[in-house]
Each structure stands twice: as structure tokens, then as C-alpha cells.
Amino acid sequence: MNKPWIRQRSEITGQTAAPKLERELVDFQWKLGMAVSSDSCRSLKYPYVSVLLKVADPSGQVKNKSFEMTIPQFQNFYRQFKEIAAVIETV
């Protein structure tokens, strides 16, 4: 099992303080979609997850970041967040 990044960092550098965040997650939205066709392909039929992040930089300016993931990519993303939540609960 992979160790959390902070623990790996502290073992390498000897620092135990968490790194300073340069950006802050303001909002996280997602939706499930299904591509059925496109100009170049008549029958796609694959599900995907669209993600929209609203992120504030150090000055407070909020920017939107969006991306799409396949279902397996989203499932891996979800598992990683569950691991993060479990570590946070132990702190």
C-alpha cells in the first residue's frame, strides 16, 4: 500500500509539517455523460465523467478547470480520495 505523500516527504526531507497550499479548492462538480456519436464516428457509446473544479489562487482569484475521465479513471480518482479521507481522519 502506498504511503500518503506527506509521510513520504517527511521521511525523505525530515520535515513533518504539511506543505503550504498554493491554491484552494472552492467547488467540485461532476456529471456522468454518454457520448453517442460524433462527426468522425457514428457510434461511440461510451460513458465518461465530466469534472469542473473551481480553484482560488493565492490572490483569491477563482479559475475554472475542467476535464473528462473514463469510468475506470474516475473510479481510481474516487479510491484515491477515499484513501486521503481515511488518512485525514487519523490526524
N, C-alpha and C. Protein backbone atom coordinates (compact mmCIF):
# COMPACT_ATOMS: atom_id res chain seq x y z
N MET A 1 0.84 -1.18 0.00
CA MET A 1 0.00 0.00 0.00
C MET A 1 0.88 1.24 0.00
N ASN A 2 0.52 2.23 -0.82
CA ASN A 2 1.29 3.46 -0.89
C ASN A 2 1.10 4.29 0.36
N LYS A 3 2.17 4.92 0.78
CA LYS A 3 2.09 5.81 1.92
C LYS A 3 1.59 7.16 1.45
N PRO A 4 0.92 7.92 2.32
CA PRO A 4 0.50 9.26 1.93
C PRO A 4 1.71 10.11 1.57
N TRP A 5 1.52 11.06 0.66
CA TRP A 5 2.59 11.90 0.17
C TRP A 5 3.29 12.64 1.30
N ILE A 6 2.55 13.15 2.26
CA ILE A 6 3.16 13.91 3.36
C ILE A 6 4.12 13.02 4.13
N ARG A 7 3.73 11.78 4.37
CA ARG A 7 4.62 10.88 5.10
C ARG A 7 5.86 10.57 4.28
N GLN A 8 5.70 10.35 2.98
CA GLN A 8 6.85 10.10 2.12
C GLN A 8 7.77 11.31 2.15
N ARG A 9 7.21 12.49 2.05
CA ARG A 9 8.00 13.72 2.04
C ARG A 9 8.76 13.87 3.36
N SER A 10 8.10 13.58 4.48
CA SER A 10 8.77 13.77 5.76
C SER A 10 9.90 12.76 5.94
N GLU A 11 9.74 11.56 5.40
CA GLU A 11 10.80 10.57 5.50
C GLU A 11 12.01 10.97 4.66
N ILE A 12 11.76 11.61 3.53
CA ILE A 12 12.85 11.99 2.64
C ILE A 12 13.55 13.26 3.13
N THR A 13 12.75 14.26 3.53
CA THR A 13 13.34 15.55 3.87
C THR A 13 13.54 15.76 5.36
N GLY A 14 12.90 14.93 6.18
CA GLY A 14 12.98 15.13 7.62
C GLY A 14 12.00 16.18 8.12
N GLN A 15 11.20 16.76 7.21
CA GLN A 15 10.20 17.75 7.60
C GLN A 15 8.90 17.06 7.91
N THR A 16 8.24 17.49 8.98
CA THR A 16 6.97 16.87 9.33
C THR A 16 5.79 17.78 9.08
N ALA A 17 6.02 19.06 8.82
CA ALA A 17 4.92 19.99 8.57
C ALA A 17 4.33 19.73 7.19
N ALA A 18 3.01 19.89 7.09
CA ALA A 18 2.35 19.73 5.80
C ALA A 18 2.77 20.87 4.87
N PRO A 19 2.85 20.59 3.58
CA PRO A 19 3.24 21.64 2.65
C PRO A 19 2.19 22.75 2.58
N LYS A 20 2.62 23.98 2.34
CA LYS A 20 1.71 25.11 2.21
C LYS A 20 0.96 24.98 0.89
N LEU A 21 -0.36 25.14 0.95
CA LEU A 21 -1.16 25.06 -0.26
C LEU A 21 -1.06 26.37 -1.03
N GLU A 22 -0.82 26.28 -2.31
CA GLU A 22 -0.76 27.47 -3.15
C GLU A 22 -2.11 27.79 -3.74
N ARG A 23 -2.99 26.82 -3.83
CA ARG A 23 -4.32 27.02 -4.39
C ARG A 23 -5.34 26.36 -3.46
N GLU A 24 -6.56 26.87 -3.52
CA GLU A 24 -7.62 26.33 -2.66
C GLU A 24 -8.77 25.86 -3.53
N LEU A 25 -9.25 24.65 -3.27
CA LEU A 25 -10.39 24.12 -4.00
C LEU A 25 -11.65 24.77 -3.44
N VAL A 26 -12.37 25.50 -4.30
CA VAL A 26 -13.57 26.22 -3.89
C VAL A 26 -14.82 25.38 -4.13
N ASP A 27 -14.85 24.70 -5.27
CA ASP A 27 -16.03 23.90 -5.62
C ASP A 27 -15.61 22.75 -6.52
N PHE A 28 -16.34 21.65 -6.41
CA PHE A 28 -16.08 20.45 -7.20
C PHE A 28 -17.43 19.97 -7.72
N GLN A 29 -17.59 19.93 -9.04
CA GLN A 29 -18.83 19.45 -9.64
C GLN A 29 -18.50 18.37 -10.65
N TRP A 30 -19.39 17.40 -10.75
CA TRP A 30 -19.17 16.34 -11.73
C TRP A 30 -20.49 15.91 -12.32
N LYS A 31 -20.45 15.35 -13.50
CA LYS A 31 -21.66 14.78 -14.10
C LYS A 31 -21.26 13.62 -14.99
N LEU A 32 -22.14 12.67 -15.06
CA LEU A 32 -21.94 11.48 -15.88
C LEU A 32 -22.55 11.74 -17.24
N GLY A 33 -21.81 11.41 -18.28
CA GLY A 33 -22.30 11.61 -19.63
C GLY A 33 -22.10 10.37 -20.48
N MET A 34 -22.73 10.39 -21.64
CA MET A 34 -22.59 9.27 -22.57
C MET A 34 -22.44 9.86 -23.97
N ALA A 35 -21.31 9.62 -24.58
CA ALA A 35 -21.10 10.07 -25.95
C ALA A 35 -21.72 9.03 -26.88
N VAL A 36 -22.64 9.47 -27.72
CA VAL A 36 -23.30 8.52 -28.62
C VAL A 36 -22.77 8.59 -30.04
N SER A 37 -22.36 9.77 -30.47
CA SER A 37 -21.80 9.86 -31.82
C SER A 37 -21.02 11.17 -31.95
N SER A 38 -20.25 11.25 -33.01
CA SER A 38 -19.51 12.48 -33.31
C SER A 38 -19.44 12.63 -34.82
N ASP A 39 -18.81 13.71 -35.27
CA ASP A 39 -18.67 13.92 -36.71
C ASP A 39 -17.87 12.81 -37.37
N SER A 40 -16.89 12.28 -36.65
CA SER A 40 -16.00 11.29 -37.26
C SER A 40 -16.34 9.84 -36.91
N CYS A 41 -17.25 9.65 -35.96
CA CYS A 41 -17.60 8.28 -35.55
C CYS A 41 -19.09 8.21 -35.31
N ARG A 42 -19.76 7.28 -35.96
CA ARG A 42 -21.21 7.20 -35.87
C ARG A 42 -21.71 6.61 -34.57
N SER A 43 -20.95 5.72 -33.96
CA SER A 43 -21.44 5.03 -32.77
C SER A 43 -20.33 4.91 -31.73
N LEU A 44 -20.29 5.85 -30.79
CA LEU A 44 -19.27 5.81 -29.75
C LEU A 44 -19.74 4.99 -28.55
N LYS A 45 -20.85 5.37 -27.98
CA LYS A 45 -21.49 4.68 -26.85
C LYS A 45 -20.54 4.35 -25.71
N TYR A 46 -19.85 5.36 -25.21
CA TYR A 46 -19.02 5.13 -24.04
C TYR A 46 -19.36 6.17 -22.97
N PRO A 47 -19.44 5.74 -21.71
CA PRO A 47 -19.72 6.68 -20.63
C PRO A 47 -18.44 7.41 -20.21
N TYR A 48 -18.61 8.61 -19.69
CA TYR A 48 -17.49 9.40 -19.19
C TYR A 48 -17.97 10.28 -18.04
N VAL A 49 -17.05 10.83 -17.30
CA VAL A 49 -17.36 11.74 -16.21
C VAL A 49 -16.71 13.08 -16.53
N SER A 50 -17.53 14.13 -16.53
CA SER A 50 -17.01 15.50 -16.70
C SER A 50 -16.84 16.11 -15.32
N VAL A 51 -15.70 16.73 -15.09
CA VAL A 51 -15.40 17.33 -13.79
C VAL A 51 -15.12 18.82 -13.98
N LEU A 52 -15.71 19.64 -13.13
CA LEU A 52 -15.44 21.08 -13.12
C LEU A 52 -14.94 21.45 -11.73
N LEU A 53 -13.72 21.97 -11.67
CA LEU A 53 -13.14 22.44 -10.42
C LEU A 53 -13.10 23.96 -10.43
N LYS A 54 -13.45 24.57 -9.30
CA LYS A 54 -13.25 26.00 -9.12
C LYS A 54 -12.13 26.13 -8.11
N VAL A 55 -11.03 26.77 -8.54
CA VAL A 55 -9.82 26.84 -7.73
C VAL A 55 -9.43 28.30 -7.53
N ALA A 56 -9.16 28.67 -6.26
CA ALA A 56 -8.73 30.03 -5.95
C ALA A 56 -7.20 30.05 -5.84
N ASP A 57 -6.58 31.01 -6.51
CA ASP A 57 -5.13 31.15 -6.38
C ASP A 57 -4.82 31.97 -5.13
N PRO A 58 -3.55 32.16 -4.77
CA PRO A 58 -3.21 32.88 -3.53
C PRO A 58 -3.80 34.28 -3.43
N SER A 59 -4.07 34.93 -4.59
CA SER A 59 -4.64 36.29 -4.55
C SER A 59 -6.15 36.26 -4.36
N GLY A 60 -6.76 35.05 -4.42
CA GLY A 60 -8.21 34.93 -4.25
C GLY A 60 -8.98 34.85 -5.55
N GLN A 61 -8.30 34.99 -6.67
CA GLN A 61 -8.97 34.91 -7.97
C GLN A 61 -9.37 33.45 -8.23
N VAL A 62 -10.64 33.26 -8.59
CA VAL A 62 -11.16 31.91 -8.83
C VAL A 62 -11.10 31.60 -10.32
N LYS A 63 -10.56 30.43 -10.64
CA LYS A 63 -10.48 29.97 -12.02
C LYS A 63 -11.17 28.62 -12.14
N ASN A 64 -11.77 28.38 -13.28
CA ASN A 64 -12.41 27.10 -13.56
C ASN A 64 -11.43 26.19 -14.29
N LYS A 65 -11.38 24.95 -13.86
CA LYS A 65 -10.58 23.92 -14.52
C LYS A 65 -11.53 22.77 -14.82
N SER A 66 -11.56 22.32 -16.05
CA SER A 66 -12.46 21.21 -16.39
C SER A 66 -11.70 20.13 -17.14
N PHE A 67 -12.17 18.90 -16.97
CA PHE A 67 -11.57 17.77 -17.67
C PHE A 67 -12.57 16.61 -17.67
N GLU A 68 -12.30 15.64 -18.51
CA GLU A 68 -13.13 14.43 -18.59
C GLU A 68 -12.29 13.22 -18.26
N MET A 69 -12.96 12.22 -17.67
CA MET A 69 -12.29 10.97 -17.33
C MET A 69 -13.16 9.80 -17.79
N THR A 70 -12.49 8.71 -18.13
CA THR A 70 -13.23 7.48 -18.39
C THR A 70 -13.74 6.95 -17.05
N ILE A 71 -14.63 6.01 -17.08
CA ILE A 71 -15.16 5.44 -15.83
C ILE A 71 -14.05 4.80 -15.01
N PRO A 72 -13.14 3.99 -15.59
CA PRO A 72 -12.05 3.45 -14.78
C PRO A 72 -11.16 4.54 -14.17
N GLN A 73 -10.88 5.62 -14.91
CA GLN A 73 -10.10 6.71 -14.36
C GLN A 73 -10.82 7.36 -13.18
N PHE A 74 -12.13 7.56 -13.32
CA PHE A 74 -12.91 8.17 -12.23
C PHE A 74 -12.94 7.26 -11.01
N GLN A 75 -13.07 5.95 -11.22
CA GLN A 75 -13.08 5.01 -10.09
C GLN A 75 -11.75 5.06 -9.35
N ASN A 76 -10.64 5.16 -10.06
CA ASN A 76 -9.33 5.29 -9.43
C ASN A 76 -9.23 6.60 -8.67
N PHE A 77 -9.70 7.68 -9.25
CA PHE A 77 -9.74 9.00 -8.63
C PHE A 77 -10.53 8.93 -7.32
N TYR A 78 -11.68 8.28 -7.36
CA TYR A 78 -12.54 8.12 -6.18
C TYR A 78 -11.82 7.32 -5.08
N ARG A 79 -11.17 6.23 -5.47
CA ARG A 79 -10.43 5.42 -4.49
C ARG A 79 -9.33 6.24 -3.81
N GLN A 80 -8.64 7.06 -4.58
CA GLN A 80 -7.59 7.89 -4.01
C GLN A 80 -8.15 8.90 -3.00
N PHE A 81 -9.30 9.48 -3.31
CA PHE A 81 -9.92 10.41 -2.37
C PHE A 81 -10.39 9.71 -1.10
N LYS A 82 -10.85 8.46 -1.23
CA LYS A 82 -11.22 7.70 -0.03
C LYS A 82 -10.00 7.46 0.84
N GLU A 83 -8.86 7.16 0.22
CA GLU A 83 -7.62 6.96 0.98
C GLU A 83 -7.21 8.25 1.68
N ILE A 84 -7.32 9.37 0.99
CA ILE A 84 -7.00 10.67 1.59
C ILE A 84 -7.89 10.94 2.79
N ALA A 85 -9.19 10.69 2.64
CA ALA A 85 -10.13 10.92 3.73
C ALA A 85 -9.80 10.04 4.94
N ALA A 86 -9.42 8.81 4.69
CA ALA A 86 -9.06 7.90 5.79
C ALA A 86 -7.84 8.40 6.54
N VAL A 87 -6.85 8.92 5.81
CA VAL A 87 -5.65 9.45 6.47
C VAL A 87 -5.99 10.71 7.26
N ILE A 88 -6.80 11.57 6.69
CA ILE A 88 -7.19 12.81 7.38
C ILE A 88 -7.92 12.51 8.68
N GLU A 89 -8.76 11.49 8.69
CA GLU A 89 -9.50 11.13 9.90
C GLU A 89 -8.57 10.66 11.03
N THR A 90 -7.39 10.17 10.69
CA THR A 90 -6.48 9.69 11.71
C THR A 90 -5.59 10.80 12.29
N VAL A 91 -5.62 11.96 11.66
CA VAL A 91 -4.76 13.07 12.10
C VAL A 91 -5.41 13.81 13.25
